[in-house]
C-alpha atoms as a PDB file:
ATOM      1  CA  UNK A   1      43.803  13.812   4.826  1.00  0.00           C
ATOM      2  CA  UNK A   2      42.120  15.704   1.995  1.00  0.00           C
ATOM      3  CA  UNK A   3      43.349  13.126  -0.510  1.00  0.00           C
ATOM      4  CA  UNK A   4      41.402  10.444   1.355  1.00  0.00           C
ATOM      5  CA  UNK A   5      38.091  12.271   1.056  1.00  0.00           C
ATOM      6  CA  UNK A   6      35.591  10.486  -1.137  1.00  0.00           C
ATOM      7  CA  UNK A   7      33.315  12.451  -3.428  1.00  0.00           C
ATOM      8  CA  UNK A   8      30.276  10.318  -4.190  1.00  0.00           C
ATOM      9  CA  UNK A   9      27.763  11.247  -6.870  1.00  0.00           C
ATOM     10  CA  UNK A  10      24.019  10.850  -6.768  1.00  0.00           C
ATOM     11  CA  UNK A  11      24.241   8.210  -9.505  1.00  0.00           C
ATOM     12  CA  UNK A  12      26.623   6.122  -7.388  1.00  0.00           C
ATOM     13  CA  UNK A  13      24.439   6.499  -4.303  1.00  0.00           C
ATOM     14  CA  UNK A  14      21.379   5.365  -6.239  1.00  0.00           C
ATOM     15  CA  UNK A  15      23.234   2.194  -7.229  1.00  0.00           C
ATOM     16  CA  UNK A  16      24.173   1.200  -3.687  1.00  0.00           C
ATOM     17  CA  UNK A  17      21.399   2.544  -1.413  1.00  0.00           C
ATOM     18  CA  UNK A  18      17.766   1.537  -1.812  1.00  0.00           C
ATOM     19  CA  UNK A  19      14.550   1.790   0.146  1.00  0.00           C
ATOM     20  CA  UNK A  20      14.324  -1.622   1.820  1.00  0.00           C
ATOM     21  CA  UNK A  21      13.751  -3.173   5.234  1.00  0.00           C
ATOM     22  CA  UNK A  22      17.475  -2.942   6.047  1.00  0.00           C
ATOM     23  CA  UNK A  23      17.303   0.826   5.659  1.00  0.00           C
ATOM     24  CA  UNK A  24      14.103   0.969   7.729  1.00  0.00           C
ATOM     25  CA  UNK A  25      15.904  -0.936  10.498  1.00  0.00           C
ATOM     26  CA  UNK A  26      18.867   1.458  10.303  1.00  0.00           C
ATOM     27  CA  UNK A  27      16.628   4.515  10.631  1.00  0.00           C
ATOM     28  CA  UNK A  28      14.743   2.859  13.481  1.00  0.00           C
ATOM     29  CA  UNK A  29      18.086   2.697  15.247  1.00  0.00           C
ATOM     30  CA  UNK A  30      18.288   6.502  15.125  1.00  0.00           C
ATOM     31  CA  UNK A  31      15.008   6.772  17.045  1.00  0.00           C
ATOM     32  CA  UNK A  32      16.263   4.234  19.584  1.00  0.00           C
ATOM     33  CA  UNK A  33      19.491   6.182  20.075  1.00  0.00           C
ATOM     34  CA  UNK A  34      17.485   9.359  20.731  1.00  0.00           C
ATOM     35  CA  UNK A  35      15.340   7.572  23.311  1.00  0.00           C
ATOM     36  CA  UNK A  36      18.398   6.148  25.047  1.00  0.00           C
ATOM     37  CA  UNK A  37      20.136   9.514  25.293  1.00  0.00           C
ATOM     38  CA  UNK A  38      22.962   8.573  22.933  1.00  0.00           C
ATOM     39  CA  UNK A  39      22.525  11.543  20.603  1.00  0.00           C
ATOM     40  CA  UNK A  40      23.891  15.074  20.675  1.00  0.00           C
ATOM     41  CA  UNK A  41      21.669  17.020  18.280  1.00  0.00           C
ATOM     42  CA  UNK A  42      21.571  20.812  17.959  1.00  0.00           C
ATOM     43  CA  UNK A  43      18.480  22.651  16.669  1.00  0.00           C
ATOM     44  CA  UNK A  44      17.966  22.809  12.926  1.00  0.00           C
ATOM     45  CA  UNK A  45      19.416  25.869  11.259  1.00  0.00           C
ATOM     46  CA  UNK A  46      16.981  27.250   8.689  1.00  0.00           C
ATOM     47  CA  UNK A  47      17.120  30.031   6.134  1.00  0.00           C
ATOM     48  CA  UNK A  48      13.762  31.092   4.696  1.00  0.00           C
ATOM     49  CA  UNK A  49      13.827  32.566   1.181  1.00  0.00           C
ATOM     50  CA  UNK A  50      10.321  33.995   1.309  1.00  0.00           C
ATOM     51  CA  UNK A  51      10.473  35.817  -2.019  1.00  0.00           C
ATOM     52  CA  UNK A  52      11.486  32.593  -3.766  1.00  0.00           C
ATOM     53  CA  UNK A  53       9.126  30.186  -1.957  1.00  0.00           C
ATOM     54  CA  UNK A  54      12.188  28.318  -0.750  1.00  0.00           C
ATOM     55  CA  UNK A  55      14.121  27.224   2.314  1.00  0.00           C
ATOM     56  CA  UNK A  56      17.597  25.938   3.145  1.00  0.00           C
ATOM     57  CA  UNK A  57      18.074  23.749   6.227  1.00  0.00           C
ATOM     58  CA  UNK A  58      21.180  22.372   7.937  1.00  0.00           C
ATOM     59  CA  UNK A  59      20.986  19.330  10.220  1.00  0.00           C
ATOM     60  CA  UNK A  60      23.582  17.356  12.121  1.00  0.00           C
ATOM     61  CA  UNK A  61      23.899  15.000  15.086  1.00  0.00           C
ATOM     62  CA  UNK A  62      26.459  12.879  16.844  1.00  0.00           C
ATOM     63  CA  UNK A  63      25.239   9.352  17.595  1.00  0.00           C
ATOM     64  CA  UNK A  64      27.379   7.649  20.209  1.00  0.00           C
ATOM     65  CA  UNK A  65      28.892   4.424  18.905  1.00  0.00           C
ATOM     66  CA  UNK A  66      29.080   5.509  15.258  1.00  0.00           C
ATOM     67  CA  UNK A  67      32.365   6.627  13.702  1.00  0.00           C
ATOM     68  CA  UNK A  68      30.761   9.166  11.355  1.00  0.00           C
ATOM     69  CA  UNK A  69      28.893  12.431  11.834  1.00  0.00           C
ATOM     70  CA  UNK A  70      26.733  13.859   9.050  1.00  0.00           C
ATOM     71  CA  UNK A  71      26.412  17.560   8.338  1.00  0.00           C
ATOM     72  CA  UNK A  72      23.568  17.843   5.862  1.00  0.00           C
ATOM     73  CA  UNK A  73      22.403  20.844   3.897  1.00  0.00           C
ATOM     74  CA  UNK A  74      19.012  20.369   2.268  1.00  0.00           C
ATOM     75  CA  UNK A  75      17.173  22.747  -0.009  1.00  0.00           C
ATOM     76  CA  UNK A  76      13.503  23.127  -0.794  1.00  0.00           C
ATOM     77  CA  UNK A  77      12.664  25.344  -3.756  1.00  0.00           C
ATOM     78  CA  UNK A  78       8.963  24.689  -4.095  1.00  0.00           C
ATOM     79  CA  UNK A  79       8.406  26.481  -7.397  1.00  0.00           C
ATOM     80  CA  UNK A  80      10.971  24.284  -9.139  1.00  0.00           C
ATOM     81  CA  UNK A  81       8.418  21.783 -10.491  1.00  0.00           C
ATOM     82  CA  UNK A  82       7.007  24.601 -12.659  1.00  0.00           C
ATOM     83  CA  UNK A  83      10.361  24.523 -14.450  1.00  0.00           C
ATOM     84  CA  UNK A  84      10.524  20.744 -14.581  1.00  0.00           C
ATOM     85  CA  UNK A  85      13.022  20.620 -11.689  1.00  0.00           C
ATOM     86  CA  UNK A  86      12.939  18.739  -8.389  1.00  0.00           C
ATOM     87  CA  UNK A  87      11.810  20.846  -5.446  1.00  0.00           C
ATOM     88  CA  UNK A  88      14.321  19.208  -3.105  1.00  0.00           C
ATOM     89  CA  UNK A  89      18.104  19.062  -3.207  1.00  0.00           C
ATOM     90  CA  UNK A  90      21.241  19.217  -1.105  1.00  0.00           C
ATOM     91  CA  UNK A  91      24.378  17.379  -0.056  1.00  0.00           C
ATOM     92  CA  UNK A  92      25.910  15.623   2.946  1.00  0.00           C
ATOM     93  CA  UNK A  93      29.390  16.100   4.379  1.00  0.00           C
ATOM     94  CA  UNK A  94      30.507  13.054   6.362  1.00  0.00           C
ATOM     95  CA  UNK A  95      32.977  13.804   9.146  1.00  0.00           C
ATOM     96  CA  UNK A  96      34.992  11.286  11.130  1.00  0.00           C
ATOM     97  CA  UNK A  97      33.823  11.047  14.744  1.00  0.00           C
ATOM     98  CA  UNK A  98      37.307   9.746  15.574  1.00  0.00           C
ATOM     99  CA  UNK A  99      39.570  12.531  14.276  1.00  0.00           C
ATOM    100  CA  UNK A 100      37.304  15.156  12.661  1.00  0.00           C
ATOM    101  CA  UNK A 101      38.556  14.580   9.131  1.00  0.00           C
ATOM    102  CA  UNK A 102      36.226  14.811   6.146  1.00  0.00           C
ATOM    103  CA  UNK A 103      35.509  11.221   5.187  1.00  0.00           C
ATOM    104  CA  UNK A 104      33.230  11.935   2.242  1.00  0.00           C
ATOM    105  CA  UNK A 105      31.125  14.469   0.409  1.00  0.00           C
ATOM    106  CA  UNK A 106      27.882  12.859  -0.728  1.00  0.00           C
ATOM    107  CA  UNK A 107      26.444  14.815  -3.639  1.00  0.00           C
ATOM    108  CA  UNK A 108      23.054  13.192  -3.236  1.00  0.00           C
ATOM    109  CA  UNK A 109      20.862  16.144  -4.320  1.00  0.00           C
ATOM    110  CA  UNK A 110      18.405  15.160  -1.611  1.00  0.00           C
ATOM    111  CA  UNK A 111      18.276  11.452  -2.481  1.00  0.00           C
ATOM    112  CA  UNK A 112      19.430  10.282   0.964  1.00  0.00           C
ATOM    113  CA  UNK A 113      17.008  12.666   2.653  1.00  0.00           C
ATOM    114  CA  UNK A 114      14.191  11.263   0.528  1.00  0.00           C
ATOM    115  CA  UNK A 115      15.092   7.711   1.545  1.00  0.00           C
ATOM    116  CA  UNK A 116      15.569   8.301   5.248  1.00  0.00           C
ATOM    117  CA  UNK A 117      12.342  10.338   5.417  1.00  0.00           C
ATOM    118  CA  UNK A 118      10.401   7.497   3.797  1.00  0.00           C
ATOM    119  CA  UNK A 119      12.087   4.958   6.060  1.00  0.00           C
ATOM    120  CA  UNK A 120      11.104   7.020   9.108  1.00  0.00           C
ATOM    121  CA  UNK A 121       7.496   6.856   7.921  1.00  0.00           C
ATOM    122  CA  UNK A 122       7.810   3.082   7.755  1.00  0.00           C
ATOM    123  CA  UNK A 123       9.181   3.014  11.315  1.00  0.00           C
ATOM    124  CA  UNK A 124       6.156   4.990  12.511  1.00  0.00           C
ATOM    125  CA  UNK A 125       3.783   2.649  10.670  1.00  0.00           C
ATOM    126  CA  UNK A 126       5.569  -0.418  12.031  1.00  0.00           C
ATOM    127  CA  UNK A 127       5.067   0.654  15.642  1.00  0.00           C
ATOM    128  CA  UNK A 128       1.829   2.644  15.532  1.00  0.00           C
ATOM    129  CA  UNK A 129      -0.400   1.541  12.633  1.00  0.00           C
ATOM    130  CA  UNK A 130      -3.011  -1.197  13.048  1.00  0.00           C
ATOM    131  CA  UNK A 131      -1.634  -4.698  12.537  1.00  0.00           C
ATOM    132  CA  UNK A 132      -3.836  -5.151   9.489  1.00  0.00           C
ATOM    133  CA  UNK A 133      -4.143  -2.392   6.888  1.00  0.00           C
ATOM    134  CA  UNK A 134      -6.250  -2.945   3.801  1.00  0.00           C
ATOM    135  CA  UNK A 135      -6.374   0.673   2.595  1.00  0.00           C
ATOM    136  CA  UNK A 136      -3.637   3.275   2.860  1.00  0.00           C
ATOM    137  CA  UNK A 137      -3.964   6.881   1.801  1.00  0.00           C
ATOM    138  CA  UNK A 138      -1.457   9.541   0.861  1.00  0.00           C
ATOM    139  CA  UNK A 139      -2.092  13.276   0.798  1.00  0.00           C
ATOM    140  CA  UNK A 140       0.262  14.775  -1.738  1.00  0.00           C
ATOM    141  CA  UNK A 141       1.460  13.698  -5.181  1.00  0.00           C
ATOM    142  CA  UNK A 142       5.219  14.292  -5.234  1.00  0.00           C
ATOM    143  CA  UNK A 143       8.178  11.964  -4.927  1.00  0.00           C
ATOM    144  CA  UNK A 144       7.816  11.672  -1.148  1.00  0.00           C
ATOM    145  CA  UNK A 145       4.184  10.614  -1.542  1.00  0.00           C
ATOM    146  CA  UNK A 146       5.334   7.725  -3.706  1.00  0.00           C
ATOM    147  CA  UNK A 147       8.222   6.793  -1.415  1.00  0.00           C
ATOM    148  CA  UNK A 148       6.106   6.956   1.737  1.00  0.00           C
ATOM    149  CA  UNK A 149       3.605   4.499   0.306  1.00  0.00           C
ATOM    150  CA  UNK A 150       6.354   2.165  -0.904  1.00  0.00           C
ATOM    151  CA  UNK A 151       7.955   2.289   2.557  1.00  0.00           C
ATOM    152  CA  UNK A 152       4.639   1.761   4.359  1.00  0.00           C
ATOM    153  CA  UNK A 153       3.935  -1.251   2.156  1.00  0.00           C
ATOM    154  CA  UNK A 154       7.158  -2.864   3.414  1.00  0.00           C
ATOM    155  CA  UNK A 155       5.831  -3.013   6.980  1.00  0.00           C
ATOM    156  CA  UNK A 156       2.045  -2.958   6.486  1.00  0.00           C
ATOM    157  CA  UNK A 157       1.246  -4.578   3.121  1.00  0.00           C
ATOM    158  CA  UNK A 158      -2.027  -3.071   1.915  1.00  0.00           C
ATOM    159  CA  UNK A 159      -4.325  -3.934  -0.957  1.00  0.00           C
ATOM    160  CA  UNK A 160      -5.475  -0.443  -1.943  1.00  0.00           C
ATOM    161  CA  UNK A 161      -3.976   3.033  -1.954  1.00  0.00           C
ATOM    162  CA  UNK A 162      -5.914   6.301  -2.153  1.00  0.00           C
ATOM    163  CA  UNK A 163      -4.277   9.487  -3.431  1.00  0.00           C
ATOM    164  CA  UNK A 164      -5.326  13.106  -2.990  1.00  0.00           C
ATOM    165  CA  UNK A 165      -3.684  16.158  -4.530  1.00  0.00           C
ATOM    166  CA  UNK A 166      -4.706  19.674  -5.472  1.00  0.00           C
ATOM    167  CA  UNK A 167      -3.941  18.824  -9.094  1.00  0.00           C
ATOM    168  CA  UNK A 168      -6.097  15.862 -10.173  1.00  0.00           C
ATOM    169  CA  UNK A 169      -3.822  15.047 -13.099  1.00  0.00           C
ATOM    170  CA  UNK A 170      -0.825  14.783 -10.797  1.00  0.00           C
ATOM    171  CA  UNK A 171      -2.881  12.690  -8.373  1.00  0.00           C
ATOM    172  CA  UNK A 172      -3.835  10.328 -11.194  1.00  0.00           C
ATOM    173  CA  UNK A 173      -0.187  10.023 -12.260  1.00  0.00           C
ATOM    174  CA  UNK A 174       0.862   9.298  -8.684  1.00  0.00           C
ATOM    175  CA  UNK A 175      -1.855   6.662  -8.317  1.00  0.00           C
ATOM    176  CA  UNK A 176      -0.779   4.993 -11.569  1.00  0.00           C
ATOM    177  CA  UNK A 177       2.848   4.915 -10.440  1.00  0.00           C
ATOM    178  CA  UNK A 178       1.923   3.387  -7.084  1.00  0.00           C
ATOM    179  CA  UNK A 179      -0.293   0.757  -8.695  1.00  0.00           C
ATOM    180  CA  UNK A 180       2.617  -0.239 -10.922  1.00  0.00           C
ATOM    181  CA  UNK A 181       5.405  -0.072  -8.339  1.00  0.00           C
ATOM    182  CA  UNK A 182       3.575  -1.643  -5.388  1.00  0.00           C
ATOM    183  CA  UNK A 183       1.194  -3.887  -7.275  1.00  0.00           C
ATOM    184  CA  UNK A 184      -1.982  -2.760  -5.523  1.00  0.00           C
ATOM    185  CA  UNK A 185      -5.237  -1.069  -6.467  1.00  0.00           C
ATOM    186  CA  UNK A 186      -4.934   2.706  -6.663  1.00  0.00           C
ATOM    187  CA  UNK A 187      -7.630   5.361  -6.691  1.00  0.00           C
ATOM    188  CA  UNK A 188      -7.776   9.155  -6.718  1.00  0.00           C
ATOM    189  CA  UNK A 189      -9.850  10.852  -4.014  1.00  0.00           C
ATOM    190  CA  UNK A 190     -11.403  14.257  -4.570  1.00  0.00           C
ATOM    191  CA  UNK A 191     -11.284  15.268  -0.892  1.00  0.00           C
ATOM    192  CA  UNK A 192      -8.500  14.659   1.666  1.00  0.00           C
ATOM    193  CA  UNK A 193     -10.969  14.080   4.479  1.00  0.00           C
ATOM    194  CA  UNK A 194     -12.832  11.425   2.499  1.00  0.00           C
ATOM    195  CA  UNK A 195      -9.446   9.770   1.955  1.00  0.00           C
ATOM    196  CA  UNK A 196      -8.824   9.783   5.714  1.00  0.00           C
ATOM    197  CA  UNK A 197     -12.247   8.328   6.466  1.00  0.00           C
ATOM    198  CA  UNK A 198     -11.638   5.416   4.067  1.00  0.00           C
ATOM    199  CA  UNK A 199      -8.107   4.564   5.223  1.00  0.00           C
ATOM    200  CA  UNK A 200      -6.473   2.810   8.160  1.00  0.00           C
ATOM    201  CA  UNK A 201      -3.055   4.327   7.433  1.00  0.00           C
ATOM    202  CA  UNK A 202      -2.542   7.854   6.084  1.00  0.00           C
ATOM    203  CA  UNK A 203       0.614   9.814   5.316  1.00  0.00           C
ATOM    204  CA  UNK A 204       0.546  13.557   4.651  1.00  0.00           C
ATOM    205  CA  UNK A 205       3.405  14.760   2.443  1.00  0.00           C
ATOM    206  CA  UNK A 206       2.617  18.335   1.388  1.00  0.00           C
ATOM    207  CA  UNK A 207       4.256  21.734   2.087  1.00  0.00           C
ATOM    208  CA  UNK A 208       0.854  23.109   3.085  1.00  0.00           C
ATOM    209  CA  UNK A 209       0.476  26.218   5.213  1.00  0.00           C
ATOM    210  CA  UNK A 210      -3.142  25.452   6.118  1.00  0.00           C
ATOM    211  CA  UNK A 211      -4.796  22.356   7.616  1.00  0.00           C
ATOM    212  CA  UNK A 212      -5.878  19.730   5.123  1.00  0.00           C
ATOM    213  CA  UNK A 213      -7.193  17.149   7.597  1.00  0.00           C
ATOM    214  CA  UNK A 214     -10.058  17.966   9.974  1.00  0.00           C
ATOM    215  CA  UNK A 215     -10.436  16.323  13.377  1.00  0.00           C
ATOM    216  CA  UNK A 216     -13.937  15.193  12.400  1.00  0.00           C
ATOM    217  CA  UNK A 217     -12.489  12.862   9.761  1.00  0.00           C
ATOM    218  CA  UNK A 218     -10.464  10.864  12.282  1.00  0.00           C
ATOM    219  CA  UNK A 219     -11.956   7.491  13.129  1.00  0.00           C
ATOM    220  CA  UNK A 220     -11.171   4.381  15.188  1.00  0.00           C
ATOM    221  CA  UNK A 221      -8.437   2.103  13.827  1.00  0.00           C
ATOM    222  CA  UNK A 222      -6.551   4.940  12.123  1.00  0.00           C
ATOM    223  CA  UNK A 223      -2.912   5.951  12.065  1.00  0.00           C
ATOM    224  CA  UNK A 224      -1.681   9.201  10.503  1.00  0.00           C
ATOM    225  CA  UNK A 225       1.948  10.073   9.858  1.00  0.00           C
ATOM    226  CA  UNK A 226       2.308  13.795   9.200  1.00  0.00           C
ATOM    227  CA  UNK A 227       5.685  14.613   7.670  1.00  0.00           C
ATOM    228  CA  UNK A 228       5.095  17.716   5.572  1.00  0.00           C
ATOM    229  CA  UNK A 229       5.095  20.214   8.444  1.00  0.00           C
ATOM    230  CA  UNK A 230       8.866  20.454   8.793  1.00  0.00           C
ATOM    231  CA  UNK A 231       9.251  24.235   8.984  1.00  0.00           C
ATOM    232  CA  UNK A 232       7.619  27.073  10.945  1.00  0.00           C
ATOM    233  CA  UNK A 233       4.157  28.022   9.650  1.00  0.00           C
ATOM    234  CA  UNK A 234       3.597  24.758   7.768  1.00  0.00           C
ATOM    235  CA  UNK A 235       0.562  22.756   8.850  1.00  0.00           C
ATOM    236  CA  UNK A 236      -1.313  19.747   7.442  1.00  0.00           C
ATOM    237  CA  UNK A 237      -3.494  18.664  10.390  1.00  0.00           C
ATOM    238  CA  UNK A 238      -6.034  20.777  12.236  1.00  0.00           C
ATOM    239  CA  UNK A 239      -4.771  21.331  15.773  1.00  0.00           C
ATOM    240  CA  UNK A 240      -7.770  19.485  17.195  1.00  0.00           C
ATOM    241  CA  UNK A 241      -6.544  16.289  15.509  1.00  0.00           C
ATOM    242  CA  UNK A 242      -3.731  15.977  18.025  1.00  0.00           C
ATOM    243  CA  UNK A 243      -6.072  16.273  20.994  1.00  0.00           C
ATOM    244  CA  UNK A 244      -8.511  13.775  19.499  1.00  0.00           C
ATOM    245  CA  UNK A 245      -5.865  11.091  18.997  1.00  0.00           C
ATOM    246  CA  UNK A 246      -5.439   8.398  21.625  1.00  0.00           C
ATOM    247  CA  UNK A 247      -1.682   8.743  21.156  1.00  0.00           C
ATOM    248  CA  UNK A 248       0.277  11.591  19.611  1.00  0.00           C
ATOM    249  CA  UNK A 249       3.952  10.823  18.986  1.00  0.00           C
ATOM    250  CA  UNK A 250       6.836  13.060  17.837  1.00  0.00           C
ATOM    251  CA  UNK A 251      10.191  12.237  16.329  1.00  0.00           C
ATOM    252  CA  UNK A 252      11.705  14.938  18.562  1.00  0.00           C
ATOM    253  CA  UNK A 253       9.540  16.680  21.161  1.00  0.00           C
ATOM    254  CA  UNK A 254      11.529  19.955  21.192  1.00  0.00           C
ATOM    255  CA  UNK A 255      11.633  20.033  17.406  1.00  0.00           C
ATOM    256  CA  UNK A 256       7.915  19.532  16.726  1.00  0.00           C
ATOM    257  CA  UNK A 257       7.109  22.358  19.143  1.00  0.00           C
ATOM    258  CA  UNK A 258       8.990  24.690  16.822  1.00  0.00           C
ATOM    259  CA  UNK A 259       8.251  23.336  13.344  1.00  0.00           C
ATOM    260  CA  UNK A 260       5.908  20.349  13.491  1.00  0.00           C
ATOM    261  CA  UNK A 261       2.148  19.955  13.812  1.00  0.00           C
ATOM    262  CA  UNK A 262       2.514  20.626  17.523  1.00  0.00           C
ATOM    263  CA  UNK A 263       3.579  24.227  16.875  1.00  0.00           C
ATOM    264  CA  UNK A 264       0.215  25.113  15.352  1.00  0.00           C
ATOM    265  CA  UNK A 265      -1.744  23.129  17.952  1.00  0.00           C
ATOM    266  CA  UNK A 266       0.034  24.981  20.756  1.00  0.00           C
ATOM    267  CA  UNK A 267      -0.624  28.331  19.086  1.00  0.00           C
ATOM    268  CA  UNK A 268      -4.329  27.561  18.696  1.00  0.00           C
ATOM    269  CA  UNK A 269      -4.676  26.179  22.210  1.00  0.00           C
ATOM    270  CA  UNK A 270      -5.787  22.780  20.900  1.00  0.00           C
ATOM    271  CA  UNK A 271      -2.907  20.971  22.605  1.00  0.00           C
ATOM    272  CA  UNK A 272      -2.523  21.184  26.379  1.00  0.00           C
ATOM    273  CA  UNK A 273      -0.984  17.766  26.961  1.00  0.00           C
ATOM    274  CA  UNK A 274       2.594  18.842  27.636  1.00  0.00           C
ATOM    275  CA  UNK A 275       5.558  17.295  25.853  1.00  0.00           C
ATOM    276  CA  UNK A 276       4.512  14.537  23.451  1.00  0.00           C
ATOM    277  CA  UNK A 277       5.801  10.991  23.618  1.00  0.00           C
ATOM    278  CA  UNK A 278       8.729  10.394  21.265  1.00  0.00           C
ATOM    279  CA  UNK A 279       8.706   7.576  18.722  1.00  0.00           C
ATOM    280  CA  UNK A 280      11.921   6.152  20.151  1.00  0.00           C
ATOM    281  CA  UNK A 281      10.206   5.775  23.538  1.00  0.00           C
ATOM    282  CA  UNK A 282       7.528   3.630  21.901  1.00  0.00           C
ATOM    283  CA  UNK A 283      10.095   1.508  20.054  1.00  0.00           C
ATOM    284  CA  UNK A 284      12.113   0.841  23.225  1.00  0.00           C
ATOM    285  CA  UNK A 285       9.039   0.142  25.368  1.00  0.00           C
ATOM    286  CA  UNK A 286       9.529   3.200  27.565  1.00  0.00           C
ATOM    287  CA  UNK A 287       5.985   4.178  26.605  1.00  0.00           C
ATOM    288  CA  UNK A 288       3.179   1.971  25.304  1.00  0.00           C
ATOM    289  CA  UNK A 289       2.205   2.538  21.702  1.00  0.00           C
ATOM    290  CA  UNK A 290      -1.136   1.496  20.284  1.00  0.00           C
ATOM    291  CA  UNK A 291      -3.006  -0.010  23.233  1.00  0.00           C
ATOM    292  CA  UNK A 292      -6.122  -1.129  21.355  1.00  0.00           C
ATOM    293  CA  UNK A 293      -6.875  -1.909  17.705  1.00  0.00           C
ATOM    294  CA  UNK A 294      -9.447   0.898  17.623  1.00  0.00           C
ATOM    295  CA  UNK A 295      -7.021   3.563  18.845  1.00  0.00           C
ATOM    296  CA  UNK A 296      -6.303   6.665  16.782  1.00  0.00           C
ATOM    297  CA  UNK A 297      -2.576   7.396  16.566  1.00  0.00           C
ATOM    298  CA  UNK A 298      -0.633  10.279  15.026  1.00  0.00           C
ATOM    299  CA  UNK A 299       3.100  10.549  14.344  1.00  0.00           C
ATOM    300  CA  UNK A 300       4.589  13.992  13.752  1.00  0.00           C
ATOM    301  CA  UNK A 301       7.846  13.601  11.814  1.00  0.00           C
ATOM    302  CA  UNK A 302       9.988  16.661  11.142  1.00  0.00           C
ATOM    303  CA  UNK A 303      13.227  14.840  10.287  1.00  0.00           C
ATOM    304  CA  UNK A 304      16.213  14.670  12.624  1.00  0.00           C
ATOM    305  CA  UNK A 305      19.955  15.016  12.278  1.00  0.00           C
ATOM    306  CA  UNK A 306      20.256  11.607  13.917  1.00  0.00           C
ATOM    307  CA  UNK A 307      18.565  10.059  10.878  1.00  0.00           C
ATOM    308  CA  UNK A 308      21.024  11.834   8.596  1.00  0.00           C
ATOM    309  CA  UNK A 309      24.026  10.559  10.544  1.00  0.00           C
ATOM    310  CA  UNK A 310      22.676   7.007  10.580  1.00  0.00           C
ATOM    311  CA  UNK A 311      22.088   6.884   6.826  1.00  0.00           C
ATOM    312  CA  UNK A 312      25.478   8.498   6.204  1.00  0.00           C
ATOM    313  CA  UNK A 313      27.099   5.779   8.309  1.00  0.00           C
ATOM    314  CA  UNK A 314      25.147   3.203   6.304  1.00  0.00           C
ATOM    315  CA  UNK A 315      26.504   4.687   3.072  1.00  0.00           C
ATOM    316  CA  UNK A 316      30.082   4.668   4.372  1.00  0.00           C
ATOM    317  CA  UNK A 317      29.740   1.030   5.400  1.00  0.00           C
ATOM    318  CA  UNK A 318      28.453   0.135   1.928  1.00  0.00           C
ATOM    319  CA  UNK A 319      31.300   2.065   0.303  1.00  0.00           C
ATOM    320  CA  UNK A 320      33.874   0.355   2.509  1.00  0.00           C
ATOM    321  CA  UNK A 321      32.454  -3.063   1.657  1.00  0.00           C
ATOM    322  CA  UNK A 322      32.557  -2.205  -2.018  1.00  0.00           C
ATOM    323  CA  UNK A 323      36.191  -1.136  -1.752  1.00  0.00           C
ATOM    324  CA  UNK A 324      37.102  -4.315   0.130  1.00  0.00           C
ATOM    325  CA  UNK A 325      35.286  -6.451  -2.441  1.00  0.00           C
ATOM    326  CA  UNK A 326      37.114  -4.726  -5.264  1.00  0.00           C
END
């Protein structure tokens, strides 16, 4: 019934949902469901607003066993920061998987996407990064750069974080925030490839349309999570990086061929290895992950509808508990 539909504001969501290990575990479950064939997930629908440096994406997925299905619309208006506005936004409609009714409209303005994206980075680090990480690096200076490092620190506590950004002032601000929020040393790097060479764990978080990381900067005992290349024509890693890695892993093999780092590597001829291993296959043991401490691993995360449905279910469970408690 329409009267039963909840409308939940961003402020409410921020009070009840946080970036913690419980959320990381929930998002890990989405990767497991994909690997076990329990997900029906159509391709992402995208609208490119080229003249406004913007994009609008719609994602959804049915995860067998859950009683909710998320239909998420996310927006990226990348000139917004010039006006003091967030570049990301959107909302989530939560449908009942039992009767098709609208259970809730989550007016999150991208908050849930931010959290589940960061949690996915933590899942990748948990299963692919070296067991011991002393220095982590982040390429990018926005909100996701901060969240990715906070999430990575949950599963691979590090002592030092390096930050690179095109704008040194923004990089310095990001480093200061991370030092305060994580409680680690923080330093600005003037070159992204120097950052890679000094780190054991790196996350790339930019909307770049040209490679920022060269294959020559990759070194033994390194893991890179690339999450900025989530639309056609975006690219953060040189195509040769994928071929140089001992293990290249995707969140969704079909999806990264269209909008991830794999798309560019296929176009350049740098990748000839066929379909990549999926992260869920590593988590479930269907494929070995890091075989040796000195391996180089790369995770290509483009964001899946399964993650959106899982976090929406998590929100509904929290809401239901709150109602019961009241």
